[in-house]
Amino acid sequence: MSEQPRRPRKPGKPYRRPQKDPVRILAFEALRAVDERDAYANLVLPPLLRKAREAGDFDARDAALATELVYGTLRRQGTYDAIIADCVDRRLREVDPPVLDVLSLGVHQLLGTRIPSHAAVSASVELARVVLGDGRAKFVNAVLRKVARDDLDGWLERVAPPYDEDPEDHLAVVHSHPRWVVSALWDSLGGGRTGIEELLAADNERPEVTLVARPGRATREELLGEEAAVPGRWSPYAVRLSEGGEPGAVEAVREGRAGVQDEGSQLVALALANAPLDGPDRRWLDGCAGPGGKAALLGALAAERGAFLLASEKQPHRAGLVARALDGNPGPYQVIAADGTRPAWRPGSFDRVLVDVPCTGLGALRRRPEARWRRRPEDLDGFAPLQRGLLRSALEAVRVGGVVAYATCSPHLAETRAVVADVLKQHPDTDLVDARPLLPDVPALGEGPDLQLWPHIHGTDAMYLALIRRTA
């Protein structure tokens, strides 16, 4: 049989297999999980990094780069979307989400890191070839080459409306927050341009890891013996880990004697524990205890006084997390799965009550950057009845002379002062306690009697706290 003649090869470059980059592939997978499954990056990323390390694909530098690519891209998503929209010939919503994720990763490398432009473009195109195919990789290449023609400041001048014409939209694009969030935070601050810009900028900074030494189980001095550990700013139990510090490497954390807890959350628990009471101080309640950070600190503080803590959490799996956090507490406690709006306890049973209510989480955007893009103004209406119901139940649970702490990880006025004002109208048998003197070393807590913490002022999540005493 005669040999068939070979077809002549078309002129041009020979085909080259795309080069797989484990770091950027992992970052892409994390972004897809956030987009497709509404996952949170802080829950998705650690197991992906652990799997990569176990496979021998990652070292510490690789893990740090992957983390920066994921969180940096999510924080700056709004800004990058505006820039990408200026570089494509279609509406942004018509770009396939996986393509947009690759583009956003590329834009972050170009405008938000020190990676050289040629390396950022070539690495992103290679990623596109691996996860999208050669055809869409050409589109990625064309868009990123347009982006690479200018730096971030130049792009912001082009895509952000002038501040004088539309201040909220200007800040939304420049600082990568939805416009409605900018407006809400501005209202909560009640100040001028400087305050809002500093707050929005703080939301885009990488938060430090903060540990809490649980009294009676660990000391701050023990934690300060760890590498990269420095004292917290405000809480006597807080220790901050500088960049690169790994909580899982700390023995006290592994043993549950210490935990990871933002300093703002620690201050809320301390303020409630320090509030003056009329009468006995024997029974404490955490009415929304999951996932257990505040409950563990409250339980340890209660134990120092011989008081009992009841930690209640509606969701059984979260109640399990509370039980784990409290395991080994030096004093008496109990964890139950119960709905705080349908109390499993008798009225007037407790001396101190904490309700850290479910909320939009606008005070923790540093830690959950994707939350800013998921939340909508209408979410406030969904949380409002629950927040008021939990506060009413807390006021019924505390005895006369006892104190209730209403806390949220949101500074939105609709979730803070509006809730407290509405509920107290129905409870004339209460008084607001000035919470600020209970944290004497912490400055700029607001006009009182409630208090508000801020990332740009205190370096904490934007925790809100109102203390209410039952008078009759």
Protein backbone atom coordinates (compact mmCIF):
# COMPACT_ATOMS: atom_id res chain seq x y z
CA MET A 1 0.00 0.00 0.00
CA SER A 2 1.48 3.32 -1.05
CA GLU A 3 2.24 5.96 1.59
CA GLN A 4 -0.22 8.85 1.67
CA PRO A 5 1.38 12.24 1.05
CA ARG A 6 1.61 14.47 4.13
CA ARG A 7 -0.35 17.70 4.19
CA PRO A 8 1.89 20.72 4.10
CA ARG A 9 2.16 22.49 7.50
CA LYS A 10 0.68 25.94 7.59
CA PRO A 11 3.23 28.68 8.08
CA GLY A 12 3.44 30.28 11.53
CA LYS A 13 4.56 29.41 15.03
CA PRO A 14 4.33 25.74 16.06
CA TYR A 15 1.72 24.87 18.66
CA ARG A 16 2.97 25.13 22.24
CA ARG A 17 1.22 23.55 25.18
CA PRO A 18 0.12 26.11 27.78
CA GLN A 19 2.28 26.27 30.87
CA LYS A 20 0.38 25.41 34.04
CA ASP A 21 0.97 27.86 36.90
CA PRO A 22 -0.26 26.28 40.17
CA VAL A 23 -0.48 29.61 41.99
CA ARG A 24 -2.70 31.34 39.44
CA ILE A 25 -4.77 28.24 38.78
CA LEU A 26 -5.53 28.00 42.50
CA ALA A 27 -6.42 31.70 42.66
CA PHE A 28 -8.76 31.23 39.69
CA GLU A 29 -10.42 28.20 41.34
CA ALA A 30 -11.00 30.21 44.51
CA LEU A 31 -12.60 33.08 42.59
CA ARG A 32 -14.84 30.67 40.71
CA ALA A 33 -16.01 29.13 43.99
CA VAL A 34 -16.81 32.60 45.35
CA ASP A 35 -18.78 33.44 42.20
CA GLU A 36 -20.50 30.14 41.48
CA ARG A 37 -21.25 28.88 44.98
CA ASP A 38 -21.46 32.15 46.93
CA ALA A 39 -18.57 30.79 48.95
CA TYR A 40 -16.44 32.98 51.19
CA ALA A 41 -12.78 33.31 50.30
CA ASN A 42 -11.69 32.90 53.91
CA LEU A 43 -13.38 29.47 53.94
CA VAL A 44 -12.45 28.34 50.42
CA LEU A 45 -8.82 29.39 50.28
CA PRO A 46 -7.30 27.58 53.32
CA PRO A 47 -8.23 24.03 52.18
CA LEU A 48 -7.03 24.79 48.65
CA LEU A 49 -3.69 26.03 50.01
CA ARG A 50 -3.40 23.04 52.34
CA LYS A 51 -4.02 20.62 49.47
CA ALA A 52 -1.43 22.38 47.31
CA ARG A 53 1.17 22.26 50.08
CA GLU A 54 0.51 18.58 50.72
CA ALA A 55 0.95 17.89 46.99
CA GLY A 56 4.30 19.63 47.07
CA ASP A 57 3.22 22.32 44.61
CA PHE A 58 3.45 25.28 47.01
CA ASP A 59 5.90 26.90 49.35
CA ALA A 60 5.24 29.85 51.69
CA ARG A 61 5.90 32.43 48.95
CA ASP A 62 3.47 30.70 46.60
CA ALA A 63 0.78 30.65 49.29
CA ALA A 64 1.33 34.35 50.01
CA LEU A 65 1.03 35.24 46.31
CA ALA A 66 -2.12 33.15 45.85
CA THR A 67 -3.68 34.79 48.91
CA GLU A 68 -2.83 38.27 47.64
CA LEU A 69 -4.24 37.51 44.19
CA VAL A 70 -7.55 36.26 45.59
CA TYR A 71 -8.16 38.89 48.26
CA GLY A 72 -6.71 41.76 46.26
CA THR A 73 -8.89 40.92 43.25
CA LEU A 74 -12.03 40.65 45.39
CA ARG A 75 -11.36 43.90 47.26
CA ARG A 76 -10.76 45.86 44.07
CA GLN A 77 -13.43 44.15 41.99
CA GLY A 78 -15.51 47.30 41.50
CA THR A 79 -12.55 49.37 40.35
CA TYR A 80 -11.27 46.63 38.07
CA ASP A 81 -14.73 46.11 36.56
CA ALA A 82 -14.85 49.79 35.61
CA ILE A 83 -11.43 49.57 33.97
CA ILE A 84 -12.20 46.33 32.12
CA ALA A 85 -15.51 47.78 30.91
CA ASP A 86 -13.56 50.63 29.32
CA CYS A 87 -11.37 48.12 27.45
CA VAL A 88 -13.96 45.74 25.98
CA ASP A 89 -16.38 46.19 23.10
CA ARG A 90 -19.39 44.77 24.91
CA ARG A 91 -21.31 45.20 28.14
CA LEU A 92 -19.47 43.77 31.11
CA ARG A 93 -22.34 41.42 31.97
CA GLU A 94 -21.96 39.89 28.51
CA VAL A 95 -18.42 38.74 29.32
CA ASP A 96 -18.44 35.15 30.57
CA PRO A 97 -17.77 35.08 34.33
CA PRO A 98 -14.74 32.75 34.08
CA VAL A 99 -13.20 35.11 31.50
CA LEU A 100 -13.92 38.06 33.76
CA ASP A 101 -12.20 36.29 36.66
CA VAL A 102 -9.05 35.75 34.59
CA LEU A 103 -9.15 39.38 33.45
CA SER A 104 -9.61 40.64 37.00
CA LEU A 105 -6.68 38.55 38.22
CA GLY A 106 -4.60 40.02 35.41
CA VAL A 107 -5.66 43.58 36.13
CA HIS A 108 -4.81 43.17 39.81
CA GLN A 109 -1.34 41.96 38.90
CA LEU A 110 -0.90 44.93 36.56
CA LEU A 111 -2.31 47.67 38.78
CA GLY A 112 -2.25 46.32 42.32
CA THR A 113 1.07 44.46 42.67
CA ARG A 114 4.74 44.93 41.81
CA ILE A 115 4.69 42.17 39.22
CA PRO A 116 6.24 43.57 35.98
CA SER A 117 3.66 44.31 33.30
CA HIS A 118 5.04 41.87 30.76
CA ALA A 119 5.04 39.08 33.34
CA ALA A 120 1.51 39.90 34.52
CA VAL A 121 0.15 39.80 30.97
CA SER A 122 1.99 36.67 29.90
CA ALA A 123 1.08 34.78 33.10
CA SER A 124 -2.59 35.74 32.71
CA VAL A 125 -2.65 34.68 29.07
CA GLU A 126 -1.11 31.33 29.98
CA LEU A 127 -3.75 30.92 32.70
CA ALA A 128 -6.44 31.70 30.13
CA ARG A 129 -5.03 29.08 27.75
CA VAL A 130 -5.19 26.46 30.52
CA VAL A 131 -8.64 27.23 31.94
CA LEU A 132 -10.43 28.89 29.00
CA GLY A 133 -8.75 27.73 25.78
CA ASP A 134 -6.66 29.45 23.13
CA GLY A 135 -9.53 31.40 21.56
CA ARG A 136 -10.53 33.28 24.69
CA ALA A 137 -6.89 33.63 25.70
CA LYS A 138 -6.46 35.96 22.71
CA PHE A 139 -9.29 38.12 24.05
CA VAL A 140 -7.62 38.20 27.48
CA ASN A 141 -4.32 39.18 25.88
CA ALA A 142 -5.90 42.05 23.91
CA VAL A 143 -7.74 43.49 26.95
CA LEU A 144 -4.77 43.27 29.33
CA ARG A 145 -2.45 44.95 26.83
CA LYS A 146 -4.87 47.89 26.82
CA VAL A 147 -4.92 47.96 30.62
CA ALA A 148 -1.11 47.86 30.75
CA ARG A 149 -0.85 51.19 28.91
CA ASP A 150 -1.54 53.17 32.10
CA ASP A 151 -1.13 52.89 35.88
CA LEU A 152 -3.93 52.78 38.46
CA ASP A 153 -4.02 56.55 39.02
CA GLY A 154 -4.27 57.17 35.31
CA TRP A 155 -7.11 54.72 34.96
CA LEU A 156 -9.00 56.21 37.90
CA GLU A 157 -8.83 59.64 36.31
CA ARG A 158 -10.41 58.13 33.22
CA VAL A 159 -13.15 55.87 34.65
CA ALA A 160 -14.17 57.58 37.91
CA PRO A 161 -16.55 60.58 37.66
CA PRO A 162 -15.16 63.79 39.18
CA TYR A 163 -15.77 64.10 42.91
CA ASP A 164 -17.41 67.51 42.52
CA GLU A 165 -19.97 66.11 40.08
CA ASP A 166 -20.88 62.87 41.88
CA PRO A 167 -18.97 62.32 45.13
CA GLU A 168 -20.58 58.99 46.00
CA ASP A 169 -19.98 57.45 42.58
CA HIS A 170 -16.43 58.83 42.53
CA LEU A 171 -15.67 57.19 45.88
CA ALA A 172 -17.42 53.97 44.82
CA VAL A 173 -15.15 53.57 41.78
CA VAL A 174 -11.93 54.81 43.37
CA HIS A 175 -12.30 52.74 46.56
CA SER A 176 -14.19 49.78 45.09
CA HIS A 177 -17.40 49.79 47.14
CA PRO A 178 -20.99 49.70 45.90
CA ARG A 179 -22.47 53.17 45.82
CA TRP A 180 -25.16 52.35 48.40
CA VAL A 181 -22.50 51.11 50.83
CA VAL A 182 -20.51 54.32 50.37
CA SER A 183 -23.65 56.32 51.15
CA ALA A 184 -24.50 54.22 54.23
CA LEU A 185 -20.99 54.39 55.68
CA TRP A 186 -20.85 58.13 55.06
CA ASP A 187 -24.12 58.60 56.95
CA SER A 188 -22.78 56.52 59.83
CA LEU A 189 -19.58 58.55 60.03
CA GLY A 190 -21.42 61.85 59.90
CA GLY A 191 -18.21 63.60 58.83
CA GLY A 192 -16.52 65.10 55.81
CA ARG A 193 -14.64 63.68 52.87
CA THR A 194 -11.49 62.81 54.82
CA GLY A 195 -13.23 60.39 57.16
CA ILE A 196 -15.06 58.47 54.45
CA GLU A 197 -12.01 58.15 52.24
CA GLU A 198 -9.93 56.87 55.14
CA LEU A 199 -12.62 54.33 56.05
CA LEU A 200 -13.04 53.05 52.49
CA ALA A 201 -9.27 52.80 52.10
CA ALA A 202 -9.05 50.85 55.37
CA ASP A 203 -11.64 48.38 54.06
CA ASN A 204 -9.22 47.58 51.23
CA GLU A 205 -6.24 46.89 53.48
CA ARG A 206 -5.26 43.41 54.55
CA PRO A 207 -6.29 43.00 58.22
CA GLU A 208 -3.83 41.74 60.76
CA VAL A 209 -4.45 38.42 62.46
CA THR A 210 -5.42 39.10 66.08
CA LEU A 211 -5.37 36.49 68.82
CA VAL A 212 -7.12 36.50 72.19
CA ALA A 213 -5.59 34.94 75.29
CA ARG A 214 -8.56 33.44 77.11
CA PRO A 215 -8.30 34.37 80.81
CA GLY A 216 -7.49 31.47 83.10
CA ARG A 217 -6.29 29.40 80.17
CA ALA A 218 -3.58 31.48 78.48
CA THR A 219 -1.82 34.80 79.05
CA ARG A 220 -0.88 37.54 76.67
CA GLU A 221 2.74 37.12 77.78
CA GLU A 222 2.65 33.50 76.59
CA LEU A 223 1.36 34.56 73.17
CA LEU A 224 3.92 37.35 72.93
CA GLY A 225 6.59 34.68 73.11
CA GLU A 226 5.56 33.57 69.63
CA GLU A 227 7.44 34.72 66.56
CA ALA A 228 6.00 37.84 64.88
CA ALA A 229 3.72 38.59 67.87
CA VAL A 230 3.13 42.12 69.19
CA PRO A 231 0.63 43.42 71.79
CA GLY A 232 -2.86 44.45 70.72
CA ARG A 233 -3.77 48.11 70.75
CA TRP A 234 -6.70 48.14 73.17
CA SER A 235 -7.64 44.79 74.68
CA PRO A 236 -5.46 43.45 77.53
CA TYR A 237 -5.92 39.97 76.05
CA ALA A 238 -5.08 40.81 72.42
CA VAL A 239 -1.93 39.91 70.50
CA ARG A 240 -1.38 40.76 66.85
CA LEU A 241 0.58 38.58 64.45
CA SER A 242 2.59 40.52 61.92
CA GLU A 243 2.52 39.55 58.25
CA GLY A 244 3.28 35.89 57.79
CA GLY A 245 2.23 34.87 61.30
CA GLU A 246 0.27 31.62 61.26
CA PRO A 247 -2.32 31.10 64.07
CA GLY A 248 -2.26 27.35 63.58
CA ALA A 249 1.42 27.34 64.55
CA VAL A 250 0.62 28.77 68.00
CA GLU A 251 0.34 26.01 70.62
CA ALA A 252 -2.24 27.86 72.73
CA VAL A 253 -4.48 28.27 69.67
CA ARG A 254 -4.18 24.61 68.74
CA GLU A 255 -5.14 23.68 72.30
CA GLY A 256 -8.11 26.09 72.41
CA ARG A 257 -6.62 28.17 75.23
CA ALA A 258 -6.40 31.10 72.82
CA GLY A 259 -8.28 31.92 69.66
CA VAL A 260 -8.41 34.15 66.62
CA GLN A 261 -10.64 37.11 67.45
CA ASP A 262 -10.76 40.67 66.16
CA GLU A 263 -9.96 43.20 68.84
CA GLY A 264 -13.32 44.92 68.30
CA SER A 265 -15.12 41.72 69.31
CA GLN A 266 -12.94 41.46 72.39
CA LEU A 267 -13.80 45.03 73.39
CA VAL A 268 -17.55 44.35 73.10
CA ALA A 269 -17.23 41.40 75.49
CA LEU A 270 -15.05 43.41 77.88
CA ALA A 271 -17.47 46.35 77.94
CA LEU A 272 -20.36 44.08 78.88
CA ALA A 273 -18.27 42.33 81.53
CA ASN A 274 -17.19 45.70 83.02
CA ALA A 275 -20.64 47.32 83.03
CA PRO A 276 -21.81 48.17 86.56
CA LEU A 277 -24.74 46.11 87.89
CA ASP A 278 -27.30 46.62 90.62
CA GLY A 279 -27.39 43.35 92.52
CA PRO A 280 -25.87 39.89 91.99
CA ASP A 281 -23.56 38.86 89.15
CA ARG A 282 -24.02 35.11 88.82
CA ARG A 283 -25.69 34.27 85.48
CA TRP A 284 -24.62 35.45 82.02
CA LEU A 285 -26.22 34.78 78.63
CA ASP A 286 -24.80 34.94 75.12
CA GLY A 287 -27.98 34.82 73.07
CA CYS A 288 -26.39 34.63 69.58
CA ALA A 289 -23.25 32.74 70.44
CA GLY A 290 -22.09 31.28 67.11
CA PRO A 291 -19.38 30.72 66.11
CA GLY A 292 -18.14 31.13 69.68
CA GLY A 293 -15.40 33.75 69.90
CA LYS A 294 -17.23 36.16 72.20
CA ALA A 295 -18.76 33.27 74.16
CA ALA A 296 -15.31 31.84 74.89
CA LEU A 297 -14.04 35.19 76.16
CA LEU A 298 -17.22 35.84 78.16
CA GLY A 299 -17.08 32.35 79.62
CA ALA A 300 -13.51 32.92 80.79
CA LEU A 301 -14.36 36.32 82.28
CA ALA A 302 -17.45 34.88 83.99
CA ALA A 303 -15.34 32.06 85.44
CA GLU A 304 -13.06 34.58 87.15
CA ARG A 305 -16.11 35.80 89.11
CA GLY A 306 -17.64 32.39 89.71
CA ALA A 307 -20.49 33.19 87.28
CA PHE A 308 -22.26 30.73 84.97
CA LEU A 309 -22.51 31.31 81.18
CA LEU A 310 -25.33 30.00 79.00
CA ALA A 311 -24.36 30.15 75.31
CA SER A 312 -27.32 29.83 72.96
CA GLU A 313 -27.12 29.46 69.18
CA LYS A 314 -30.01 28.72 66.84
CA GLN A 315 -28.15 26.66 64.22
CA PRO A 316 -27.04 23.26 65.59
CA HIS A 317 -23.82 23.15 63.57
CA ARG A 318 -22.85 26.60 64.83
CA ALA A 319 -23.76 25.54 68.36
CA GLY A 320 -21.18 22.79 67.86
CA LEU A 321 -18.57 25.44 67.04
CA VAL A 322 -19.51 27.29 70.23
CA ALA A 323 -19.10 24.11 72.27
CA ARG A 324 -15.67 23.58 70.74
CA ALA A 325 -14.62 27.15 71.56
CA LEU A 326 -15.78 26.79 75.16
CA ASP A 327 -14.31 23.32 75.70
CA GLY A 328 -11.97 23.56 78.67
CA ASN A 329 -13.48 26.78 80.04
CA PRO A 330 -12.40 27.06 83.69
CA GLY A 331 -15.87 27.89 84.99
CA PRO A 332 -19.41 26.53 84.67
CA TYR A 333 -21.16 26.90 81.30
CA GLN A 334 -23.73 25.28 79.05
CA VAL A 335 -24.21 25.40 75.27
CA ILE A 336 -27.68 24.92 73.78
CA ALA A 337 -29.20 25.09 70.30
CA ALA A 338 -32.15 27.46 70.73
CA ASP A 339 -33.86 30.36 68.94
CA GLY A 340 -33.14 33.58 70.78
CA THR A 341 -36.49 35.03 69.72
CA ARG A 342 -38.26 32.06 71.35
CA PRO A 343 -36.36 31.82 74.62
CA ALA A 344 -35.64 28.49 76.27
CA TRP A 345 -35.20 30.29 79.60
CA ARG A 346 -37.47 32.13 82.00
CA PRO A 347 -37.81 35.93 81.92
CA GLY A 348 -35.45 37.82 84.20
CA SER A 349 -33.04 34.89 84.53
CA PHE A 350 -29.77 36.65 83.78
CA ASP A 351 -27.58 39.43 85.14
CA ARG A 352 -25.69 40.12 81.90
CA VAL A 353 -26.91 39.39 78.36
CA LEU A 354 -25.13 39.74 75.02
CA VAL A 355 -26.91 39.72 71.66
CA ASP A 356 -24.45 40.09 68.78
CA VAL A 357 -27.17 40.02 66.15
CA PRO A 358 -27.03 38.78 62.55
CA CYS A 359 -26.45 41.73 60.21
CA THR A 360 -25.14 42.78 56.80
CA GLY A 361 -21.54 42.56 58.01
CA LEU A 362 -20.59 45.92 56.53
CA GLY A 363 -18.18 46.40 59.42
CA ALA A 364 -16.02 43.42 58.43
CA LEU A 365 -15.42 44.11 54.74
CA ARG A 366 -11.67 43.86 55.29
CA ARG A 367 -12.07 40.20 56.17
CA ARG A 368 -14.87 39.29 53.78
CA PRO A 369 -14.34 41.53 50.76
CA GLU A 370 -16.81 39.60 48.60
CA ALA A 371 -19.63 40.52 51.01
CA ARG A 372 -19.74 44.09 49.69
CA TRP A 373 -20.76 42.81 46.24
CA ARG A 374 -23.37 40.37 47.54
CA ARG A 375 -25.25 42.60 49.92
CA ARG A 376 -28.16 44.70 48.67
CA PRO A 377 -30.04 47.56 50.36
CA GLU A 378 -33.10 45.34 50.62
CA ASP A 379 -31.14 42.97 52.87
CA LEU A 380 -31.62 45.52 55.63
CA ASP A 381 -35.36 44.87 55.56
CA GLY A 382 -34.72 41.16 55.99
CA PHE A 383 -32.52 41.60 59.05
CA ALA A 384 -34.61 44.30 60.74
CA PRO A 385 -37.36 42.11 62.31
CA LEU A 386 -34.80 39.58 63.58
CA GLN A 387 -32.57 42.24 65.13
CA ARG A 388 -35.49 43.86 66.94
CA GLY A 389 -36.87 40.51 68.04
CA LEU A 390 -33.54 39.42 69.50
CA LEU A 391 -33.10 42.69 71.38
CA ARG A 392 -36.64 42.48 72.81
CA SER A 393 -36.00 38.91 73.96
CA ALA A 394 -32.71 39.95 75.54
CA LEU A 395 -34.43 42.70 77.52
CA GLU A 396 -36.97 40.18 78.76
CA ALA A 397 -34.20 37.74 79.69
CA VAL A 398 -32.31 40.17 81.93
CA ARG A 399 -33.39 40.85 85.50
CA VAL A 400 -34.13 44.30 86.90
CA GLY A 401 -30.78 45.97 87.50
CA GLY A 402 -29.05 43.79 84.91
CA VAL A 403 -27.45 44.89 81.62
CA VAL A 404 -27.98 43.93 77.98
CA ALA A 405 -25.33 44.49 75.30
CA TYR A 406 -26.68 44.93 71.76
CA ALA A 407 -23.86 44.51 69.25
CA THR A 408 -23.50 44.37 65.47
CA CYS A 409 -20.61 43.99 63.08
CA SER A 410 -22.17 46.73 60.95
CA PRO A 411 -22.09 50.49 61.41
CA HIS A 412 -25.22 51.00 59.26
CA LEU A 413 -27.59 53.25 61.19
CA ALA A 414 -30.54 51.04 60.25
CA GLU A 415 -28.89 48.15 62.09
CA THR A 416 -27.58 50.10 65.06
CA ARG A 417 -29.21 53.19 66.52
CA ALA A 418 -32.50 52.72 64.66
CA VAL A 419 -32.97 49.24 66.15
CA VAL A 420 -32.11 50.38 69.68
CA ALA A 421 -34.35 53.45 69.48
CA ASP A 422 -37.32 51.46 68.15
CA VAL A 423 -37.10 48.74 70.78
CA LEU A 424 -36.53 51.10 73.71
CA LYS A 425 -39.69 53.00 72.77
CA GLN A 426 -41.56 49.82 73.69
CA HIS A 427 -39.52 49.38 76.90
CA PRO A 428 -39.75 52.50 79.06
CA ASP A 429 -38.37 50.37 81.90
CA THR A 430 -34.82 50.69 80.49
CA ASP A 431 -31.95 53.17 80.41
CA LEU A 432 -29.00 53.44 78.06
CA VAL A 433 -25.67 53.07 79.85
CA ASP A 434 -22.75 55.16 78.63
CA ALA A 435 -20.47 52.45 77.25
CA ARG A 436 -17.49 54.70 76.50
CA PRO A 437 -16.05 54.97 80.04
CA LEU A 438 -15.91 51.16 80.17
CA LEU A 439 -13.15 51.29 77.53
CA PRO A 440 -11.14 54.19 78.95
CA ASP A 441 -8.04 53.70 76.81
CA VAL A 442 -9.92 53.64 73.50
CA PRO A 443 -10.33 57.06 71.83
CA ALA A 444 -12.93 58.45 69.43
CA LEU A 445 -15.82 56.17 70.36
CA GLY A 446 -18.53 58.62 69.29
CA GLU A 447 -20.96 60.97 71.01
CA GLY A 448 -22.38 58.25 73.28
CA PRO A 449 -23.96 56.72 75.17
CA ASP A 450 -23.46 53.94 72.60
CA LEU A 451 -20.09 53.44 70.92
CA GLN A 452 -18.80 52.74 67.43
CA LEU A 453 -15.42 51.28 66.50
CA TRP A 454 -13.84 51.91 63.08
CA PRO A 455 -11.16 50.18 61.00
CA HIS A 456 -9.45 53.46 60.04
CA ILE A 457 -9.41 54.82 63.60
CA HIS A 458 -9.08 51.78 65.85
CA GLY A 459 -7.74 49.11 63.50
CA THR A 460 -10.70 46.87 64.36
CA ASP A 461 -13.83 45.74 62.60
CA ALA A 462 -16.56 48.41 62.70
CA MET A 463 -18.30 47.00 65.77
CA TYR A 464 -21.26 48.85 67.29
CA LEU A 465 -22.30 48.49 70.94
CA ALA A 466 -25.23 49.79 73.00
CA LEU A 467 -25.54 48.90 76.70
CA ILE A 468 -29.05 48.91 78.19
CA ARG A 469 -29.96 48.54 81.87
CA ARG A 470 -33.31 47.10 82.93
CA THR A 471 -34.72 49.52 85.52
CA ALA A 472 -38.12 48.08 86.39
